[in-house]
Amino acid sequence: MNSQHQDVPGAADDRDRVRADTVRRLERSMGALGTAAVTRMEERLGWFRRMSAEDRSWIGLVAQSGVAAFVDWFRSSGSGRPAITVEVFGTAPRELTRSVSLQQTVDMIRVVIEVVEAQVDSLAAPGGRQQLREAVLRYTREVAFSTAKIYARAAEARGAWDARLEALIVDALLHGDSEDGLDTWGSALGWSHTPVIALAGQAQEEAGTKVLDDLRAAARRMGHDVLAGRQGGRVVVVLGVGGRYQEEELPGAAAEPLAALFGPGPVVVGPAVPELRAAGASARAAISGLRAAAAWPDAPRPVLADDLWPERALQGDGDARRSLVERVYLPLTGAGSPLLDTLSVYLEHASSLEATARMLFVHPNTVRYRLSRIAELTGHAPSDGRGSFVLRIAVALGRLAAVSRE
């Protein structure tokens, strides 16, 4: 029928007159169509009903704009591709992608199109029903393509913005700046999980930003909130740990699955802290440990920053020195001089039980008991190579601190 219609002289003029009549009908119905679309969304879309009145009003304006843009495009013979991105969404893509998901947007568009299609018979001028129906179908396709592009661009922009904000937060944590603003910044990134731990390690050579993307993806699959930043060849990751770990398992259990994504060399895990605003302490401990880890070549990977207290203290880390004194030396002095004296003699005599007993004029079993008490109080066994090293550094620092206070 269409081909025969085109061969008839004046057919094009007839089609234009029908289109113009249909446009007038559409213009008179635009407000009613937009209202009908919003009403249908309230009936069919549960997510729409749960939105605030302000957000529903905003979506109603988008629906009205979509109808108006269709009428403008149809008025110009429906030729060319409609500028849907500008006319329908205008400056809305950022707000749209924050408030409404892509699937919800597709549902919204489907409802608007259904409302229009349901009224094609009454909206089209006589002889223009097929013309209007075909225009609606074409316009629907263009809306779908444009929506997908909008979300893709918004996701790309959002990802770049998030990466810049993450780098800013990580830098602030390491330098102890703007801690009062960390909650606000974290909220902008959807941060919700606690406790918080930090990891530091080296990036893979020539990895670019891929290592950050891999770490973010892996952490999110584990249910964590994550911030990641790169400073030269060093990578710092801050995790808001989900509820899958017991308190005694942290921070090691949360960090272990991510260690393989770092480059070669040590991966150091800062202590768990209760909230994001306190994460600077964990991040700085992890960085301090990363600098000092070379002094312990056989350290596990990942290694806890707290397990590197001696190396960090030797490198001048004041927090590590204080921790060794408060957590190791002072418990020994508080338990009485026999323990500290026994430890000193034991360390000076090459960890010989018998030699220590002779020097102290006690039975070897007494020495053995005191050594077990030292291990209970400090968490470090004097008979263990690593434990004896930690205890030796702690005792030396404790004595120096005691002299400086005199």
Protein backbone atom coordinates (compact mmCIF):
# COMPACT_ATOMS: atom_id res chain seq x y z
CA MET A 1 0.00 0.00 0.00
CA ASN A 2 2.82 2.38 0.84
CA SER A 3 4.50 1.96 -2.56
CA GLN A 4 1.24 2.58 -4.39
CA HIS A 5 0.61 5.61 -2.18
CA GLN A 6 4.00 7.05 -3.11
CA ASP A 7 3.23 6.74 -6.86
CA VAL A 8 0.10 8.84 -6.58
CA PRO A 9 0.69 12.55 -7.36
CA GLY A 10 0.31 14.66 -4.26
CA ALA A 11 0.76 11.71 -1.87
CA ALA A 12 3.69 13.45 -0.15
CA ASP A 13 1.55 16.54 0.43
CA ASP A 14 -1.18 14.36 1.90
CA ARG A 15 1.26 12.71 4.26
CA ASP A 16 2.57 16.10 5.37
CA ARG A 17 -0.96 17.35 6.05
CA VAL A 18 -1.75 14.20 8.05
CA ARG A 19 1.50 14.62 10.00
CA ALA A 20 0.75 18.27 10.74
CA ASP A 21 -2.73 17.35 11.98
CA THR A 22 -1.27 14.57 14.15
CA VAL A 23 1.32 17.01 15.57
CA ARG A 24 -1.45 19.40 16.63
CA ARG A 25 -3.26 16.55 18.34
CA LEU A 26 -0.04 15.50 20.09
CA GLU A 27 0.67 19.05 21.25
CA ARG A 28 -2.76 19.31 22.80
CA SER A 29 -2.22 15.98 24.59
CA MET A 30 1.38 16.37 25.82
CA GLY A 31 0.46 17.32 29.36
CA ALA A 32 -2.09 14.53 29.63
CA LEU A 33 0.39 11.98 28.23
CA GLY A 34 3.04 12.97 30.78
CA THR A 35 0.54 12.78 33.62
CA ALA A 36 -0.75 9.41 32.40
CA ALA A 37 2.82 8.10 32.22
CA VAL A 38 3.56 9.12 35.82
CA THR A 39 0.27 7.59 36.98
CA ARG A 40 1.12 4.33 35.20
CA MET A 41 4.58 4.29 36.77
CA GLU A 42 3.05 4.70 40.23
CA GLU A 43 0.76 1.76 39.50
CA ARG A 44 3.35 -0.61 38.04
CA LEU A 45 6.79 0.32 39.40
CA GLY A 46 7.35 -0.37 43.06
CA TRP A 47 10.73 1.43 43.10
CA PHE A 48 9.00 4.55 41.77
CA ARG A 49 6.41 4.52 44.57
CA ARG A 50 9.20 4.26 47.17
CA MET A 51 10.98 7.35 45.90
CA SER A 52 10.65 10.74 47.52
CA ALA A 53 8.08 13.18 46.14
CA GLU A 54 10.93 15.33 44.83
CA ASP A 55 12.51 12.46 42.91
CA ARG A 56 9.16 11.36 41.50
CA SER A 57 8.56 14.93 40.35
CA TRP A 58 11.97 14.99 38.70
CA ILE A 59 11.26 11.75 36.82
CA GLY A 60 7.90 13.17 35.80
CA LEU A 61 9.72 16.10 34.19
CA VAL A 62 11.94 13.66 32.30
CA ALA A 63 8.84 11.85 31.04
CA GLN A 64 7.30 15.16 29.96
CA SER A 65 10.55 16.08 28.20
CA GLY A 66 10.58 12.75 26.40
CA VAL A 67 7.08 13.31 25.06
CA ALA A 68 7.89 16.89 24.04
CA ALA A 69 11.10 15.80 22.29
CA PHE A 70 9.17 13.15 20.40
CA VAL A 71 6.62 15.70 19.21
CA ASP A 72 9.37 18.07 18.05
CA TRP A 73 11.12 15.30 16.18
CA PHE A 74 7.90 14.01 14.64
CA ARG A 75 7.02 17.55 13.55
CA SER A 76 10.20 17.70 11.44
CA SER A 77 9.06 14.65 9.43
CA GLY A 78 10.85 12.29 11.81
CA SER A 79 13.97 12.50 9.68
CA GLY A 80 17.44 12.01 11.06
CA ARG A 81 18.30 10.75 14.50
CA PRO A 82 16.54 12.58 17.35
CA ALA A 83 18.83 14.45 19.77
CA ILE A 84 17.47 12.49 22.70
CA THR A 85 20.45 12.97 24.97
CA VAL A 86 20.07 16.73 24.99
CA GLU A 87 16.34 17.14 24.63
CA VAL A 88 15.15 14.45 27.01
CA PHE A 89 17.80 14.17 29.66
CA GLY A 90 19.42 17.60 29.35
CA THR A 91 21.77 17.99 32.33
CA ALA A 92 20.23 14.99 34.07
CA PRO A 93 22.55 12.06 33.32
CA ARG A 94 24.60 12.46 36.50
CA GLU A 95 21.51 12.81 38.69
CA LEU A 96 19.73 10.08 36.76
CA THR A 97 22.50 7.53 37.23
CA ARG A 98 22.79 8.34 40.93
CA SER A 99 19.08 8.13 41.73
CA VAL A 100 17.82 5.60 39.19
CA SER A 101 19.51 2.46 37.91
CA LEU A 102 19.76 1.61 34.22
CA GLN A 103 17.15 -1.14 34.59
CA GLN A 104 14.77 1.28 36.31
CA THR A 105 15.30 3.81 33.53
CA VAL A 106 14.46 1.14 30.95
CA ASP A 107 11.28 0.32 32.90
CA MET A 108 10.37 4.01 33.01
CA ILE A 109 10.87 4.44 29.26
CA ARG A 110 8.84 1.31 28.56
CA VAL A 111 5.90 2.68 30.55
CA VAL A 112 6.01 6.04 28.75
CA ILE A 113 6.09 4.34 25.36
CA GLU A 114 3.23 2.02 26.32
CA VAL A 115 1.12 5.01 27.33
CA VAL A 116 1.73 6.68 23.98
CA GLU A 117 1.17 3.49 21.99
CA ALA A 118 -2.09 2.83 23.81
CA GLN A 119 -3.43 6.16 22.59
CA VAL A 120 -2.14 6.06 19.02
CA ASP A 121 -5.65 5.57 17.64
CA SER A 122 -6.96 8.71 19.33
CA LEU A 123 -3.81 10.77 18.84
CA ALA A 124 -3.26 10.11 15.13
CA ALA A 125 -5.10 12.14 12.53
CA PRO A 126 -7.29 10.16 10.10
CA GLY A 127 -4.96 8.14 7.88
CA GLY A 128 -1.96 8.77 10.16
CA ARG A 129 -2.17 5.82 12.51
CA GLN A 130 0.56 3.74 10.83
CA GLN A 131 2.74 6.79 10.37
CA LEU A 132 2.57 7.62 14.10
CA ARG A 133 3.04 4.02 15.20
CA GLU A 134 6.20 3.62 13.11
CA ALA A 135 7.54 6.92 14.46
CA VAL A 136 6.96 5.76 18.04
CA LEU A 137 8.82 2.50 17.38
CA ARG A 138 11.77 4.31 15.85
CA TYR A 139 11.87 6.83 18.65
CA THR A 140 11.75 4.02 21.22
CA ARG A 141 14.83 2.43 19.66
CA GLU A 142 16.72 5.73 19.72
CA VAL A 143 15.78 6.30 23.38
CA ALA A 144 17.18 2.86 24.24
CA PHE A 145 20.47 3.53 22.42
CA SER A 146 20.82 6.98 23.95
CA THR A 147 20.08 5.73 27.45
CA ALA A 148 22.76 3.06 27.17
CA LYS A 149 25.29 5.67 25.99
CA ILE A 150 24.37 8.03 28.81
CA TYR A 151 24.91 5.38 31.45
CA ALA A 152 28.16 4.25 29.87
CA ARG A 153 29.54 7.80 29.82
CA ALA A 154 28.27 8.50 33.34
CA ALA A 155 29.83 5.27 34.64
CA GLU A 156 33.14 6.18 33.01
CA ALA A 157 33.02 9.69 34.45
CA ARG A 158 31.93 8.39 37.83
CA GLY A 159 34.77 5.87 37.83
CA ALA A 160 37.33 8.57 37.03
CA TRP A 161 35.85 10.86 39.69
CA ASP A 162 35.88 8.05 42.26
CA ALA A 163 39.50 7.22 41.44
CA ARG A 164 40.55 10.85 41.93
CA LEU A 165 38.65 11.09 45.20
CA GLU A 166 40.14 7.80 46.40
CA ALA A 167 43.65 9.06 45.62
CA LEU A 168 42.87 12.28 47.54
CA ILE A 169 41.59 10.35 50.57
CA VAL A 170 44.57 7.97 50.61
CA ASP A 171 46.96 10.92 50.42
CA ALA A 172 45.11 12.67 53.26
CA LEU A 173 45.26 9.52 55.37
CA LEU A 174 49.00 9.16 54.91
CA HIS A 175 49.68 12.79 55.76
CA GLY A 176 47.15 13.05 58.58
CA ASP A 177 45.25 15.84 56.82
CA SER A 178 41.52 16.56 56.73
CA GLU A 179 40.55 13.69 59.01
CA ASP A 180 37.36 15.58 59.93
CA GLY A 181 36.30 15.42 56.27
CA LEU A 182 36.94 11.71 55.81
CA ASP A 183 33.42 10.68 56.80
CA THR A 184 31.97 13.07 54.22
CA TRP A 185 34.34 11.86 51.53
CA GLY A 186 33.65 8.26 52.41
CA SER A 187 29.92 8.87 52.26
CA ALA A 188 30.34 10.23 48.72
CA LEU A 189 31.85 6.87 47.79
CA GLY A 190 29.16 4.88 49.59
CA TRP A 191 31.48 3.80 52.43
CA SER A 192 29.61 1.88 55.12
CA HIS A 193 31.70 -0.98 56.52
CA THR A 194 33.89 -1.13 59.59
CA PRO A 195 36.40 -1.95 60.99
CA VAL A 196 38.98 -0.48 58.64
CA ILE A 197 42.44 -1.77 57.70
CA ALA A 198 45.14 -0.55 55.32
CA LEU A 199 47.53 -2.50 53.10
CA ALA A 200 50.72 -1.27 51.46
CA GLY A 201 52.87 -2.95 48.83
CA GLN A 202 54.56 -2.45 45.51
CA ALA A 203 52.81 -2.25 42.15
CA GLN A 204 53.53 -4.64 39.33
CA GLU A 205 56.01 -3.15 36.89
CA GLU A 206 54.30 -1.46 33.94
CA ALA A 207 50.95 -2.25 35.56
CA GLY A 208 49.66 1.32 35.33
CA THR A 209 46.28 1.62 37.01
CA LYS A 210 45.42 -2.04 36.38
CA VAL A 211 46.66 -3.10 39.80
CA LEU A 212 44.27 -0.60 41.41
CA ASP A 213 41.35 -1.83 39.32
CA ASP A 214 42.15 -5.45 40.16
CA LEU A 215 42.43 -4.71 43.88
CA ARG A 216 39.16 -2.75 43.89
CA ALA A 217 37.32 -5.51 42.03
CA ALA A 218 38.67 -8.27 44.27
CA ALA A 219 37.89 -6.35 47.47
CA ARG A 220 34.34 -5.58 46.35
CA ARG A 221 33.74 -9.23 45.46
CA MET A 222 34.68 -10.01 49.07
CA GLY A 223 32.07 -7.53 50.28
CA HIS A 224 34.48 -4.81 51.41
CA ASP A 225 34.43 -1.07 50.92
CA VAL A 226 37.69 -0.08 49.28
CA LEU A 227 39.90 2.93 48.56
CA ALA A 228 43.04 2.50 46.50
CA GLY A 229 45.78 4.90 45.52
CA ARG A 230 49.18 4.69 43.88
CA GLN A 231 52.15 6.81 44.87
CA GLY A 232 54.99 6.14 42.49
CA GLY A 233 55.68 2.42 42.69
CA ARG A 234 53.82 2.05 45.98
CA VAL A 235 50.17 1.02 46.29
CA VAL A 236 48.02 1.74 49.34
CA VAL A 237 44.63 0.08 49.82
CA VAL A 238 42.15 0.92 52.59
CA LEU A 239 39.43 -1.64 53.30
CA GLY A 240 36.16 -1.29 55.13
CA VAL A 241 35.85 -4.91 56.15
CA GLY A 242 32.52 -6.66 55.86
CA GLY A 243 31.09 -8.84 58.60
CA ARG A 244 32.59 -12.12 57.43
CA TYR A 245 35.53 -12.13 59.88
CA GLN A 246 35.78 -12.52 63.62
CA GLU A 247 37.61 -9.74 65.46
CA GLU A 248 40.51 -12.03 66.33
CA GLU A 249 41.00 -12.89 62.65
CA LEU A 250 41.66 -9.28 61.70
CA PRO A 251 43.52 -7.76 60.04
CA GLY A 252 45.37 -10.70 58.50
CA ALA A 253 42.43 -12.77 57.22
CA ALA A 254 40.95 -9.85 55.26
CA ALA A 255 44.29 -8.91 53.70
CA GLU A 256 45.60 -12.34 52.76
CA PRO A 257 43.41 -12.91 49.65
CA LEU A 258 44.56 -9.56 48.18
CA ALA A 259 48.30 -9.98 48.70
CA ALA A 260 48.84 -11.82 45.42
CA LEU A 261 47.56 -8.82 43.43
CA PHE A 262 50.45 -6.63 44.58
CA GLY A 263 53.83 -6.63 42.89
CA PRO A 264 56.88 -8.52 44.19
CA GLY A 265 58.17 -7.72 47.65
CA PRO A 266 56.53 -7.37 51.04
CA VAL A 267 52.86 -6.55 51.59
CA VAL A 268 52.24 -4.94 54.97
CA VAL A 269 48.89 -4.75 56.79
CA GLY A 270 48.14 -1.98 59.25
CA PRO A 271 46.14 -2.61 62.43
CA ALA A 272 42.34 -2.63 62.36
CA VAL A 273 40.75 0.67 63.44
CA PRO A 274 37.08 1.31 64.27
CA GLU A 275 36.20 3.84 61.56
CA LEU A 276 37.36 5.53 58.38
CA ARG A 277 38.43 8.74 60.09
CA ALA A 278 40.96 6.69 62.11
CA ALA A 279 42.30 4.86 59.06
CA GLY A 280 45.30 7.20 58.82
CA ALA A 281 46.93 5.37 61.74
CA SER A 282 46.55 2.03 59.97
CA ALA A 283 47.79 3.43 56.65
CA ARG A 284 50.84 5.12 58.19
CA ALA A 285 51.71 1.93 60.09
CA ALA A 286 51.48 -0.07 56.85
CA ILE A 287 53.75 2.38 55.02
CA SER A 288 56.23 2.43 57.89
CA GLY A 289 56.27 -1.36 57.84
CA LEU A 290 56.79 -1.42 54.10
CA ARG A 291 59.88 0.78 54.46
CA ALA A 292 61.27 -1.39 57.26
CA ALA A 293 60.34 -4.83 55.93
CA ALA A 294 63.66 -5.24 54.13
CA ALA A 295 65.25 -5.87 57.54
CA TRP A 296 63.17 -9.06 57.90
CA PRO A 297 63.69 -10.97 54.64
CA ASP A 298 61.81 -14.03 55.91
CA ALA A 299 58.67 -12.14 56.91
CA PRO A 300 55.38 -13.72 55.82
CA ARG A 301 53.41 -12.17 52.97
CA PRO A 302 51.32 -10.35 53.98
CA VAL A 303 52.97 -9.33 57.23
CA LEU A 304 51.31 -7.33 59.99
CA ALA A 305 52.72 -3.87 60.62
CA ASP A 306 52.63 -4.70 64.34
CA ASP A 307 54.89 -7.69 63.73
CA LEU A 308 57.45 -5.26 62.28
CA TRP A 309 57.69 -3.14 65.44
CA PRO A 310 61.42 -3.85 65.96
CA GLU A 311 62.38 -3.00 62.38
CA ARG A 312 60.17 0.08 62.39
CA ALA A 313 61.62 1.19 65.72
CA LEU A 314 65.17 0.81 64.41
CA GLN A 315 64.22 3.00 61.48
CA GLY A 316 62.96 5.71 63.84
CA ASP A 317 59.19 5.08 63.92
CA GLY A 318 58.07 6.66 67.22
CA ASP A 319 54.75 4.77 67.25
CA ALA A 320 56.57 1.45 66.97
CA ARG A 321 58.98 2.40 69.77
CA ARG A 322 56.13 3.36 72.06
CA SER A 323 54.25 0.18 71.23
CA LEU A 324 57.24 -2.00 72.09
CA VAL A 325 57.72 -0.22 75.38
CA GLU A 326 54.04 -0.19 76.35
CA ARG A 327 53.07 -3.62 75.04
CA VAL A 328 56.22 -5.60 75.79
CA TYR A 329 58.57 -3.90 78.25
CA LEU A 330 56.08 -2.41 80.72
CA PRO A 331 54.13 -5.68 81.22
CA LEU A 332 57.43 -7.30 82.19
CA THR A 333 58.33 -4.62 84.70
CA GLY A 334 54.82 -4.70 86.07
CA ALA A 335 55.11 -8.43 86.71
CA GLY A 336 58.16 -7.95 88.97
CA SER A 337 61.90 -7.94 88.57
CA PRO A 338 62.41 -11.75 88.41
CA LEU A 339 60.88 -11.94 84.95
CA LEU A 340 62.87 -9.06 83.50
CA ASP A 341 66.09 -10.26 85.16
CA THR A 342 65.54 -13.77 83.88
CA LEU A 343 64.92 -12.52 80.35
CA SER A 344 68.02 -10.34 80.39
CA VAL A 345 70.27 -13.16 81.57
CA TYR A 346 68.67 -15.65 79.18
CA LEU A 347 69.23 -13.38 76.18
CA GLU A 348 72.81 -12.61 77.23
CA HIS A 349 73.68 -16.29 77.56
CA ALA A 350 72.64 -17.39 74.09
CA SER A 351 69.23 -18.62 75.22
CA SER A 352 70.76 -21.35 77.37
CA LEU A 353 68.38 -22.61 80.01
CA GLU A 354 71.09 -24.20 82.14
CA ALA A 355 73.42 -21.19 81.98
CA THR A 356 70.59 -18.87 82.98
CA ALA A 357 69.68 -21.10 85.92
CA ARG A 358 73.29 -21.15 87.15
CA MET A 359 73.61 -17.37 86.90
CA LEU A 360 70.37 -16.81 88.81
CA PHE A 361 70.96 -19.63 91.32
CA VAL A 362 67.59 -21.18 90.55
CA HIS A 363 66.39 -24.50 89.21
CA PRO A 364 66.08 -24.82 85.39
CA ASN A 365 62.35 -25.50 85.84
CA THR A 366 62.04 -22.07 87.49
CA VAL A 367 63.68 -20.50 84.47
CA ARG A 368 61.40 -22.50 82.20
CA TYR A 369 58.32 -21.30 84.10
CA ARG A 370 59.45 -17.67 84.00
CA LEU A 371 60.09 -17.87 80.26
CA SER A 372 56.58 -19.23 79.71
CA ARG A 373 55.18 -16.33 81.76
CA ILE A 374 57.14 -13.88 79.63
CA ALA A 375 55.60 -15.41 76.50
CA GLU A 376 52.10 -15.16 78.01
CA LEU A 377 52.55 -11.51 78.99
CA THR A 378 54.17 -10.25 75.79
CA GLY A 379 53.07 -12.66 73.09
CA HIS A 380 56.73 -13.35 72.22
CA ALA A 381 58.57 -16.50 73.27
CA PRO A 382 62.19 -15.90 74.38
CA SER A 383 63.20 -19.31 73.04
CA ASP A 384 62.04 -18.41 69.54
CA GLY A 385 64.49 -16.63 67.27
CA ARG A 386 62.06 -13.95 66.20
CA GLY A 387 60.59 -13.65 69.68
CA SER A 388 64.00 -13.16 71.29
CA PHE A 389 64.79 -10.40 68.78
CA VAL A 390 61.54 -8.54 69.54
CA LEU A 391 62.10 -8.89 73.29
CA ARG A 392 65.69 -7.71 73.07
CA ILE A 393 64.73 -4.54 71.17
CA ALA A 394 61.80 -3.88 73.51
CA VAL A 395 63.94 -4.21 76.63
CA ALA A 396 66.60 -1.92 75.19
CA LEU A 397 64.03 0.73 74.27
CA GLY A 398 62.30 0.40 77.62
CA ARG A 399 65.53 0.96 79.50
CA LEU A 400 66.40 3.95 77.36
CA ALA A 401 62.92 5.41 77.95
CA ALA A 402 63.31 4.89 81.71
CA VAL A 403 66.66 6.71 81.73
CA SER A 404 65.26 9.61 79.72
CA ARG A 405 62.48 10.07 82.26
CA GLU A 406 64.93 10.38 85.17
